[in-house]
Structure formats: structure tokens, C-alpha cells
């Protein structure tokens, strides 16, 4: 618990320091500055190998593609929410 709090407080300090460095943004440039910050924080494609998986809509399509490309099928099912790690 203490490690989590220290980590979160470290993140907060980093955000405040980053804001303090960029505080000289003029009002007319604020929207562009925010857009750029959002762009910089977005996950890059190389950080998302999950998206490179060739997903199939159903098992029949997966089996057809497996035969066509002589590749195995990995069947993944879930009942819950993948975003919180409960599969």
C-alpha cells in the first residue's frame, strides 16, 4: 500500500513539474498545447502488440483461415471485462 501511494505521489509531482515547465503557454496557444499533450500521451502502435493479432469473428472463420494459411487456431473466450483483467 505504501509503495502504491509513493508511486502515485511521484506521478503527481511529475505532472506538476511538467505543468510548471510549460506554464508559459499563451492563452491563444492553449488549445494547440493541450492537443499536442494529448497526442504525446497516446499509446503508440508499437506499444500495442494486441492490435496486431489477426482476430476472427467466429470459430468457423478462424478454422477456415487456419487451413488456408496452415496456422494453428488459438481460441480465446472471456466472460467479464478484459479491461480489468477478469477473463
PDB file of N, CA and C in Angstrom:
ATOM      1  N   UNK A   1       0.826  -1.189   0.000  1.00  0.00           N
ATOM      2  CA  UNK A   1       0.000   0.000   0.000  1.00  0.00           C
ATOM      3  C   UNK A   1       0.869   1.250   0.000  1.00  0.00           C
ATOM      4  N   UNK A   2       1.904   1.264   0.826  1.00  0.00           N
ATOM      5  CA  UNK A   2       2.787   2.427   0.895  1.00  0.00           C
ATOM      6  C   UNK A   2       3.513   2.648  -0.427  1.00  0.00           C
ATOM      7  N   UNK A   3       3.904   1.538  -1.089  1.00  0.00           N
ATOM      8  CA  UNK A   3       4.588   1.659  -2.375  1.00  0.00           C
ATOM      9  C   UNK A   3       3.664   2.266  -3.422  1.00  0.00           C
ATOM     10  N   UNK A   4       2.399   1.882  -3.378  1.00  0.00           N
ATOM     11  CA  UNK A   4       1.428   2.437  -4.321  1.00  0.00           C
ATOM     12  C   UNK A   4       1.267   3.929  -4.087  1.00  0.00           C
ATOM     13  N   UNK A   5       1.146   4.335  -2.829  1.00  0.00           N
ATOM     14  CA  UNK A   5       0.993   5.747  -2.518  1.00  0.00           C
ATOM     15  C   UNK A   5       2.217   6.547  -2.933  1.00  0.00           C
ATOM     16  N   UNK A   6       3.402   5.982  -2.684  1.00  0.00           N
ATOM     17  CA  UNK A   6       4.627   6.670  -3.095  1.00  0.00           C
ATOM     18  C   UNK A   6       4.683   6.796  -4.604  1.00  0.00           C
ATOM     19  N   UNK A   7       4.281   5.752  -5.313  1.00  0.00           N
ATOM     20  CA  UNK A   7       4.281   5.791  -6.772  1.00  0.00           C
ATOM     21  C   UNK A   7       3.301   6.847  -7.270  1.00  0.00           C
ATOM     22  N   UNK A   8       2.083   6.861  -6.716  1.00  0.00           N
ATOM     23  CA  UNK A   8       1.090   7.835  -7.145  1.00  0.00           C
ATOM     24  C   UNK A   8       1.527   9.256  -6.830  1.00  0.00           C
ATOM     25  N   UNK A   9       2.141   9.458  -5.657  1.00  0.00           N
ATOM     26  CA  UNK A   9       2.597  10.807  -5.333  1.00  0.00           C
ATOM     27  C   UNK A   9       3.733  11.215  -6.258  1.00  0.00           C
ATOM     28  N   UNK A  10       4.564  10.274  -6.668  1.00  0.00           N
ATOM     29  CA  UNK A  10       5.631  10.569  -7.627  1.00  0.00           C
ATOM     30  C   UNK A  10       5.076  10.976  -8.974  1.00  0.00           C
ATOM     31  N   UNK A  11       3.997  10.333  -9.383  1.00  0.00           N
ATOM     32  CA  UNK A  11       3.346  10.700 -10.639  1.00  0.00           C
ATOM     33  C   UNK A  11       2.798  12.119 -10.537  1.00  0.00           C
ATOM     34  N   UNK A  12       2.155  12.417  -9.432  1.00  0.00           N
ATOM     35  CA  UNK A  12       1.605  13.756  -9.232  1.00  0.00           C
ATOM     36  C   UNK A  12       2.679  14.820  -9.289  1.00  0.00           C
ATOM     37  N   UNK A  13       3.824  14.556  -8.671  1.00  0.00           N
ATOM     38  CA  UNK A  13       4.929  15.513  -8.689  1.00  0.00           C
ATOM     39  C   UNK A  13       5.416  15.706 -10.114  1.00  0.00           C
ATOM     40  N   UNK A  14       5.519  14.610 -10.873  1.00  0.00           N
ATOM     41  CA  UNK A  14       5.965  14.708 -12.265  1.00  0.00           C
ATOM     42  C   UNK A  14       5.013  15.525 -13.109  1.00  0.00           C
ATOM     43  N   UNK A  15       3.725  15.355 -12.897  1.00  0.00           N
ATOM     44  CA  UNK A  15       2.724  16.116 -13.650  1.00  0.00           C
ATOM     45  C   UNK A  15       2.810  17.590 -13.297  1.00  0.00           C
ATOM     46  N   UNK A  16       2.926  17.894 -12.004  1.00  0.00           N
ATOM     47  CA  UNK A  16       3.017  19.289 -11.575  1.00  0.00           C
ATOM     48  C   UNK A  16       4.282  19.924 -12.124  1.00  0.00           C
ATOM     49  N   UNK A  17       5.413  19.212 -12.067  1.00  0.00           N
ATOM     50  CA  UNK A  17       6.651  19.761 -12.590  1.00  0.00           C
ATOM     51  C   UNK A  17       6.536  19.991 -14.095  1.00  0.00           C
ATOM     52  N   UNK A  18       5.931  19.030 -14.812  1.00  0.00           N
ATOM     53  CA  UNK A  18       5.746  19.192 -16.252  1.00  0.00           C
ATOM     54  C   UNK A  18       4.881  20.391 -16.563  1.00  0.00           C
ATOM     55  N   UNK A  19       3.847  20.614 -15.768  1.00  0.00           N
ATOM     56  CA  UNK A  19       2.965  21.761 -15.975  1.00  0.00           C
ATOM     57  C   UNK A  19       3.710  23.055 -15.681  1.00  0.00           C
ATOM     58  N   UNK A  20       4.508  23.043 -14.616  1.00  0.00           N
ATOM     59  CA  UNK A  20       5.241  24.257 -14.240  1.00  0.00           C
ATOM     60  C   UNK A  20       6.216  24.664 -15.343  1.00  0.00           C
ATOM     61  N   UNK A  21       6.836  23.679 -15.996  1.00  0.00           N
ATOM     62  CA  UNK A  21       7.771  23.972 -17.077  1.00  0.00           C
ATOM     63  C   UNK A  21       7.052  24.589 -18.274  1.00  0.00           C
ATOM     64  N   UNK A  22       5.829  24.148 -18.558  1.00  0.00           N
ATOM     65  CA  UNK A  22       5.081  24.586 -19.725  1.00  0.00           C
ATOM     66  C   UNK A  22       4.065  25.681 -19.396  1.00  0.00           C
ATOM     67  N   UNK A  23       4.150  26.285 -18.245  1.00  0.00           N
ATOM     68  CA  UNK A  23       3.141  27.241 -17.805  1.00  0.00           C
ATOM     69  C   UNK A  23       3.150  28.519 -18.631  1.00  0.00           C
ATOM     70  N   UNK A  24       4.176  28.757 -19.398  1.00  0.00           N
ATOM     71  CA  UNK A  24       4.279  29.986 -20.169  1.00  0.00           C
ATOM     72  C   UNK A  24       3.498  29.935 -21.482  1.00  0.00           C
ATOM     73  N   UNK A  25       2.558  29.028 -21.617  1.00  0.00           N
ATOM     74  CA  UNK A  25       1.748  28.918 -22.826  1.00  0.00           C
ATOM     75  C   UNK A  25       0.773  30.090 -22.879  1.00  0.00           C
ATOM     76  N   UNK A  26       0.766  30.770 -24.003  1.00  0.00           N
ATOM     77  CA  UNK A  26      -0.144  31.903 -24.174  1.00  0.00           C
ATOM     78  C   UNK A  26      -1.576  31.396 -24.312  1.00  0.00           C
ATOM     79  N   UNK A  27      -2.522  32.224 -23.923  1.00  0.00           N
ATOM     80  CA  UNK A  27      -3.930  31.832 -23.985  1.00  0.00           C
ATOM     81  C   UNK A  27      -4.340  31.401 -25.391  1.00  0.00           C
ATOM     82  N   UNK A  28      -3.878  32.107 -26.405  1.00  0.00           N
ATOM     83  CA  UNK A  28      -4.266  31.783 -27.781  1.00  0.00           C
ATOM     84  C   UNK A  28      -3.677  30.450 -28.247  1.00  0.00           C
ATOM     85  N   UNK A  29      -2.622  29.973 -27.582  1.00  0.00           N
ATOM     86  CA  UNK A  29      -1.966  28.716 -27.953  1.00  0.00           C
ATOM     87  C   UNK A  29      -2.383  27.546 -27.071  1.00  0.00           C
ATOM     88  N   UNK A  30      -3.243  27.812 -26.098  1.00  0.00           N
ATOM     89  CA  UNK A  30      -3.587  26.781 -25.113  1.00  0.00           C
ATOM     90  C   UNK A  30      -4.232  25.552 -25.747  1.00  0.00           C
ATOM     91  N   UNK A  31      -5.175  25.747 -26.660  1.00  0.00           N
ATOM     92  CA  UNK A  31      -5.858  24.605 -27.288  1.00  0.00           C
ATOM     93  C   UNK A  31      -4.866  23.740 -28.052  1.00  0.00           C
ATOM     94  N   UNK A  32      -3.959  24.362 -28.802  1.00  0.00           N
ATOM     95  CA  UNK A  32      -2.940  23.601 -29.531  1.00  0.00           C
ATOM     96  C   UNK A  32      -2.012  22.874 -28.576  1.00  0.00           C
ATOM     97  N   UNK A  33      -1.659  23.528 -27.464  1.00  0.00           N
ATOM     98  CA  UNK A  33      -0.778  22.911 -26.471  1.00  0.00           C
ATOM     99  C   UNK A  33      -1.440  21.670 -25.871  1.00  0.00           C
ATOM    100  N   UNK A  34      -2.742  21.783 -25.535  1.00  0.00           N
ATOM    101  CA  UNK A  34      -3.472  20.650 -24.970  1.00  0.00           C
ATOM    102  C   UNK A  34      -3.563  19.520 -25.994  1.00  0.00           C
ATOM    103  N   UNK A  35      -3.879  19.856 -27.250  1.00  0.00           N
ATOM    104  CA  UNK A  35      -3.949  18.836 -28.300  1.00  0.00           C
ATOM    105  C   UNK A  35      -2.619  18.100 -28.437  1.00  0.00           C
ATOM    106  N   UNK A  36      -1.518  18.849 -28.389  1.00  0.00           N
ATOM    107  CA  UNK A  36      -0.196  18.220 -28.507  1.00  0.00           C
ATOM    108  C   UNK A  36       0.100  17.326 -27.311  1.00  0.00           C
ATOM    109  N   UNK A  37      -0.254  17.772 -26.096  1.00  0.00           N
ATOM    110  CA  UNK A  37      -0.049  16.943 -24.897  1.00  0.00           C
ATOM    111  C   UNK A  37      -0.840  15.642 -24.998  1.00  0.00           C
ATOM    112  N   UNK A  38      -2.072  15.728 -25.482  1.00  0.00           N
ATOM    113  CA  UNK A  38      -2.896  14.524 -25.649  1.00  0.00           C
ATOM    114  C   UNK A  38      -2.236  13.599 -26.656  1.00  0.00           C
ATOM    115  N   UNK A  39      -1.784  14.146 -27.774  1.00  0.00           N
ATOM    116  CA  UNK A  39      -1.108  13.347 -28.808  1.00  0.00           C
ATOM    117  C   UNK A  39       0.134  12.664 -28.235  1.00  0.00           C
ATOM    118  N   UNK A  40       0.910  13.386 -27.439  1.00  0.00           N
ATOM    119  CA  UNK A  40       2.136  12.825 -26.859  1.00  0.00           C
ATOM    120  C   UNK A  40       1.849  11.686 -25.890  1.00  0.00           C
ATOM    121  N   UNK A  41       0.704  11.721 -25.211  1.00  0.00           N
ATOM    122  CA  UNK A  41       0.372  10.710 -24.210  1.00  0.00           C
ATOM    123  C   UNK A  41      -0.341   9.493 -24.801  1.00  0.00           C
ATOM    124  N   UNK A  42      -0.766   9.556 -26.058  1.00  0.00           N
ATOM    125  CA  UNK A  42      -1.469   8.431 -26.668  1.00  0.00           C
ATOM    126  C   UNK A  42      -0.531   7.232 -26.806  1.00  0.00           C
ATOM    127  N   UNK A  43      -1.102   6.057 -26.704  1.00  0.00           N
ATOM    128  CA  UNK A  43      -0.320   4.832 -26.859  1.00  0.00           C
ATOM    129  C   UNK A  43       0.068   4.688 -28.322  1.00  0.00           C
ATOM    130  N   UNK A  44       1.329   4.418 -28.551  1.00  0.00           N
ATOM    131  CA  UNK A  44       1.844   4.269 -29.915  1.00  0.00           C
ATOM    132  C   UNK A  44       1.587   2.842 -30.417  1.00  0.00           C
ATOM    133  N   UNK A  45       1.460   2.662 -31.724  1.00  0.00           N
ATOM    134  CA  UNK A  45       1.181   1.321 -32.266  1.00  0.00           C
ATOM    135  C   UNK A  45       2.181   0.256 -31.809  1.00  0.00           C
ATOM    136  N   UNK A  46       3.451   0.612 -31.693  1.00  0.00           N
ATOM    137  CA  UNK A  46       4.449  -0.374 -31.259  1.00  0.00           C
ATOM    138  C   UNK A  46       4.274  -0.771 -29.791  1.00  0.00           C
ATOM    139  N   UNK A  47       3.484  -0.016 -29.053  1.00  0.00           N
ATOM    140  CA  UNK A  47       3.193  -0.342 -27.657  1.00  0.00           C
ATOM    141  C   UNK A  47       1.912  -1.170 -27.523  1.00  0.00           C
ATOM    142  N   UNK A  48       1.280  -1.528 -28.638  1.00  0.00           N
ATOM    143  CA  UNK A  48       0.020  -2.270 -28.621  1.00  0.00           C
ATOM    144  C   UNK A  48       0.106  -3.509 -29.502  1.00  0.00           C
ATOM    145  N   UNK A  49       0.930  -4.485 -29.162  1.00  0.00           N
ATOM    146  CA  UNK A  49       1.009  -5.693 -29.990  1.00  0.00           C
ATOM    147  C   UNK A  49      -0.317  -6.456 -30.032  1.00  0.00           C
ATOM    148  N   UNK A  50      -1.190  -6.217 -29.074  1.00  0.00           N
ATOM    149  CA  UNK A  50      -2.500  -6.852 -29.035  1.00  0.00           C
ATOM    150  C   UNK A  50      -3.289  -6.554 -30.314  1.00  0.00           C
ATOM    151  N   UNK A  51      -3.101  -5.364 -30.873  1.00  0.00           N
ATOM    152  CA  UNK A  51      -3.817  -4.967 -32.085  1.00  0.00           C
ATOM    153  C   UNK A  51      -3.312  -5.676 -33.334  1.00  0.00           C
ATOM    154  N   UNK A  52      -2.117  -6.261 -33.271  1.00  0.00           N
ATOM    155  CA  UNK A  52      -1.546  -6.924 -34.439  1.00  0.00           C
ATOM    156  C   UNK A  52      -2.057  -8.357 -34.607  1.00  0.00           C
ATOM    157  N   UNK A  53      -2.816  -8.837 -33.648  1.00  0.00           N
ATOM    158  CA  UNK A  53      -3.351 -10.195 -33.717  1.00  0.00           C
ATOM    159  C   UNK A  53      -4.425 -10.251 -34.785  1.00  0.00           C
ATOM    160  N   UNK A  54      -4.401 -11.291 -35.600  1.00  0.00           N
ATOM    161  CA  UNK A  54      -5.410 -11.473 -36.642  1.00  0.00           C
ATOM    162  C   UNK A  54      -6.664 -12.100 -36.058  1.00  0.00           C
ATOM    163  N   UNK A  55      -7.568 -11.276 -35.537  1.00  0.00           N
ATOM    164  CA  UNK A  55      -8.780 -11.768 -34.901  1.00  0.00           C
ATOM    165  C   UNK A  55      -9.784 -12.221 -35.951  1.00  0.00           C
ATOM    166  N   UNK A  56     -10.528 -13.271 -35.637  1.00  0.00           N
ATOM    167  CA  UNK A  56     -11.612 -13.747 -36.489  1.00  0.00           C
ATOM    168  C   UNK A  56     -12.926 -13.548 -35.747  1.00  0.00           C
ATOM    169  N   UNK A  57     -14.009 -13.375 -36.507  1.00  0.00           N
ATOM    170  CA  UNK A  57     -15.305 -13.098 -35.883  1.00  0.00           C
ATOM    171  C   UNK A  57     -15.919 -14.323 -35.222  1.00  0.00           C
ATOM    172  N   UNK A  58     -15.635 -15.504 -35.743  1.00  0.00           N
ATOM    173  CA  UNK A  58     -16.179 -16.717 -35.142  1.00  0.00           C
ATOM    174  C   UNK A  58     -15.239 -17.885 -35.422  1.00  0.00           C
ATOM    175  N   UNK A  59     -15.528 -19.034 -34.800  1.00  0.00           N
ATOM    176  CA  UNK A  59     -14.635 -20.196 -34.900  1.00  0.00           C
ATOM    177  C   UNK A  59     -14.572 -20.745 -36.317  1.00  0.00           C
ATOM    178  N   UNK A  60     -15.685 -20.678 -37.047  1.00  0.00           N
ATOM    179  CA  UNK A  60     -15.678 -21.185 -38.435  1.00  0.00           C
ATOM    180  C   UNK A  60     -14.721 -20.378 -39.303  1.00  0.00           C
ATOM    181  N   UNK A  61     -14.753 -19.071 -39.158  1.00  0.00           N
ATOM    182  CA  UNK A  61     -13.834 -18.216 -39.920  1.00  0.00           C
ATOM    183  C   UNK A  61     -12.387 -18.467 -39.487  1.00  0.00           C
ATOM    184  N   UNK A  62     -12.159 -18.644 -38.205  1.00  0.00           N
ATOM    185  CA  UNK A  62     -10.807 -18.924 -37.705  1.00  0.00           C
ATOM    186  C   UNK A  62     -10.284 -20.247 -38.266  1.00  0.00           C
ATOM    187  N   UNK A  63     -11.126 -21.259 -38.288  1.00  0.00           N
ATOM    188  CA  UNK A  63     -10.696 -22.557 -38.832  1.00  0.00           C
ATOM    189  C   UNK A  63     -10.411 -22.460 -40.331  1.00  0.00           C
ATOM    190  N   UNK A  64     -11.245 -21.721 -41.055  1.00  0.00           N
ATOM    191  CA  UNK A  64     -11.013 -21.547 -42.495  1.00  0.00           C
ATOM    192  C   UNK A  64      -9.670 -20.846 -42.739  1.00  0.00           C
ATOM    193  N   UNK A  65      -9.411 -19.777 -41.998  1.00  0.00           N
ATOM    194  CA  UNK A  65      -8.146 -19.059 -42.144  1.00  0.00           C
ATOM    195  C   UNK A  65      -6.958 -19.925 -41.735  1.00  0.00           C
ATOM    196  N   UNK A  66      -7.137 -20.725 -40.696  1.00  0.00           N
ATOM    197  CA  UNK A  66      -6.057 -21.612 -40.245  1.00  0.00           C
ATOM    198  C   UNK A  66      -5.695 -22.625 -41.329  1.00  0.00           C
ATOM    199  N   UNK A  67      -6.701 -23.210 -41.945  1.00  0.00           N
ATOM    200  CA  UNK A  67      -6.441 -24.159 -43.042  1.00  0.00           C
ATOM    201  C   UNK A  67      -5.760 -23.449 -44.215  1.00  0.00           C
ATOM    202  N   UNK A  68      -6.270 -22.283 -44.567  1.00  0.00           N
ATOM    203  CA  UNK A  68      -5.744 -21.538 -45.710  1.00  0.00           C
ATOM    204  C   UNK A  68      -4.282 -21.144 -45.524  1.00  0.00           C
ATOM    205  N   UNK A  69      -3.922 -20.760 -44.312  1.00  0.00           N
ATOM    206  CA  UNK A  69      -2.561 -20.282 -44.042  1.00  0.00           C
ATOM    207  C   UNK A  69      -1.705 -21.300 -43.303  1.00  0.00           C
ATOM    208  N   UNK A  70      -2.246 -22.501 -43.103  1.00  0.00           N
ATOM    209  CA  UNK A  70      -1.533 -23.581 -42.396  1.00  0.00           C
ATOM    210  C   UNK A  70      -0.977 -23.081 -41.055  1.00  0.00           C
ATOM    211  N   UNK A  71      -1.875 -22.489 -40.281  1.00  0.00           N
ATOM    212  CA  UNK A  71      -1.532 -21.954 -38.971  1.00  0.00           C
ATOM    213  C   UNK A  71      -2.481 -22.528 -37.931  1.00  0.00           C
ATOM    214  N   UNK A  72      -2.072 -22.574 -36.672  1.00  0.00           N
ATOM    215  CA  UNK A  72      -2.973 -23.071 -35.628  1.00  0.00           C
ATOM    216  C   UNK A  72      -4.013 -22.003 -35.240  1.00  0.00           C
ATOM    217  N   UNK A  73      -5.031 -22.455 -34.543  1.00  0.00           N
ATOM    218  CA  UNK A  73      -6.052 -21.556 -34.003  1.00  0.00           C
ATOM    219  C   UNK A  73      -5.859 -21.486 -32.502  1.00  0.00           C
ATOM    220  N   UNK A  74      -5.844 -20.279 -31.980  1.00  0.00           N
ATOM    221  CA  UNK A  74      -5.832 -20.073 -30.532  1.00  0.00           C
ATOM    222  C   UNK A  74      -7.203 -19.543 -30.169  1.00  0.00           C
ATOM    223  N   UNK A  75      -7.949 -20.311 -29.414  1.00  0.00           N
ATOM    224  CA  UNK A  75      -9.309 -19.931 -29.051  1.00  0.00           C
ATOM    225  C   UNK A  75      -9.282 -19.201 -27.713  1.00  0.00           C
ATOM    226  N   UNK A  76      -9.718 -17.967 -27.737  1.00  0.00           N
ATOM    227  CA  UNK A  76      -9.763 -17.130 -26.536  1.00  0.00           C
ATOM    228  C   UNK A  76     -11.217 -16.785 -26.275  1.00  0.00           C
ATOM    229  N   UNK A  77     -11.683 -17.108 -25.088  1.00  0.00           N
ATOM    230  CA  UNK A  77     -13.043 -16.732 -24.711  1.00  0.00           C
ATOM    231  C   UNK A  77     -12.968 -15.989 -23.384  1.00  0.00           C
ATOM    232  N   UNK A  78     -13.959 -15.170 -23.134  1.00  0.00           N
ATOM    233  CA  UNK A  78     -13.989 -14.485 -21.847  1.00  0.00           C
ATOM    234  C   UNK A  78     -15.428 -14.208 -21.452  1.00  0.00           C
ATOM    235  N   UNK A  79     -15.613 -14.129 -20.172  1.00  0.00           N
ATOM    236  CA  UNK A  79     -16.914 -13.785 -19.607  1.00  0.00           C
ATOM    237  C   UNK A  79     -16.626 -12.771 -18.508  1.00  0.00           C
ATOM    238  N   UNK A  80     -16.690 -11.543 -18.858  1.00  0.00           N
ATOM    239  CA  UNK A  80     -16.343 -10.487 -17.910  1.00  0.00           C
ATOM    240  C   UNK A  80     -15.839  -9.281 -18.663  1.00  0.00           C
ATOM    241  N   UNK A  81     -14.905  -8.578 -18.063  1.00  0.00           N
ATOM    242  CA  UNK A  81     -14.371  -7.372 -18.680  1.00  0.00           C
ATOM    243  C   UNK A  81     -12.870  -7.504 -18.839  1.00  0.00           C
ATOM    244  N   UNK A  82     -12.411  -7.521 -20.071  1.00  0.00           N
ATOM    245  CA  UNK A  82     -10.974  -7.665 -20.328  1.00  0.00           C
ATOM    246  C   UNK A  82     -10.193  -6.479 -19.790  1.00  0.00           C
ATOM    247  N   UNK A  83     -10.783  -5.296 -19.787  1.00  0.00           N
ATOM    248  CA  UNK A  83     -10.078  -4.089 -19.352  1.00  0.00           C
ATOM    249  C   UNK A  83      -9.629  -4.147 -17.901  1.00  0.00           C
ATOM    250  N   UNK A  84     -10.283  -4.955 -17.071  1.00  0.00           N
ATOM    251  CA  UNK A  84      -9.869  -5.043 -15.667  1.00  0.00           C
ATOM    252  C   UNK A  84      -9.165  -6.369 -15.383  1.00  0.00           C
ATOM    253  N   UNK A  85      -8.887  -7.134 -16.445  1.00  0.00           N
ATOM    254  CA  UNK A  85      -8.116  -8.354 -16.295  1.00  0.00           C
ATOM    255  C   UNK A  85      -8.902  -9.564 -15.838  1.00  0.00           C
ATOM    256  N   UNK A  86     -10.220  -9.515 -15.891  1.00  0.00           N
ATOM    257  CA  UNK A  86     -11.034 -10.656 -15.486  1.00  0.00           C
ATOM    258  C   UNK A  86     -11.582 -11.341 -16.716  1.00  0.00           C
ATOM    259  N   UNK A  87     -10.999 -12.468 -17.054  1.00  0.00           N
ATOM    260  CA  UNK A  87     -11.419 -13.211 -18.238  1.00  0.00           C
ATOM    261  C   UNK A  87     -12.073 -14.516 -17.819  1.00  0.00           C
TER     262      UNK A  87
END
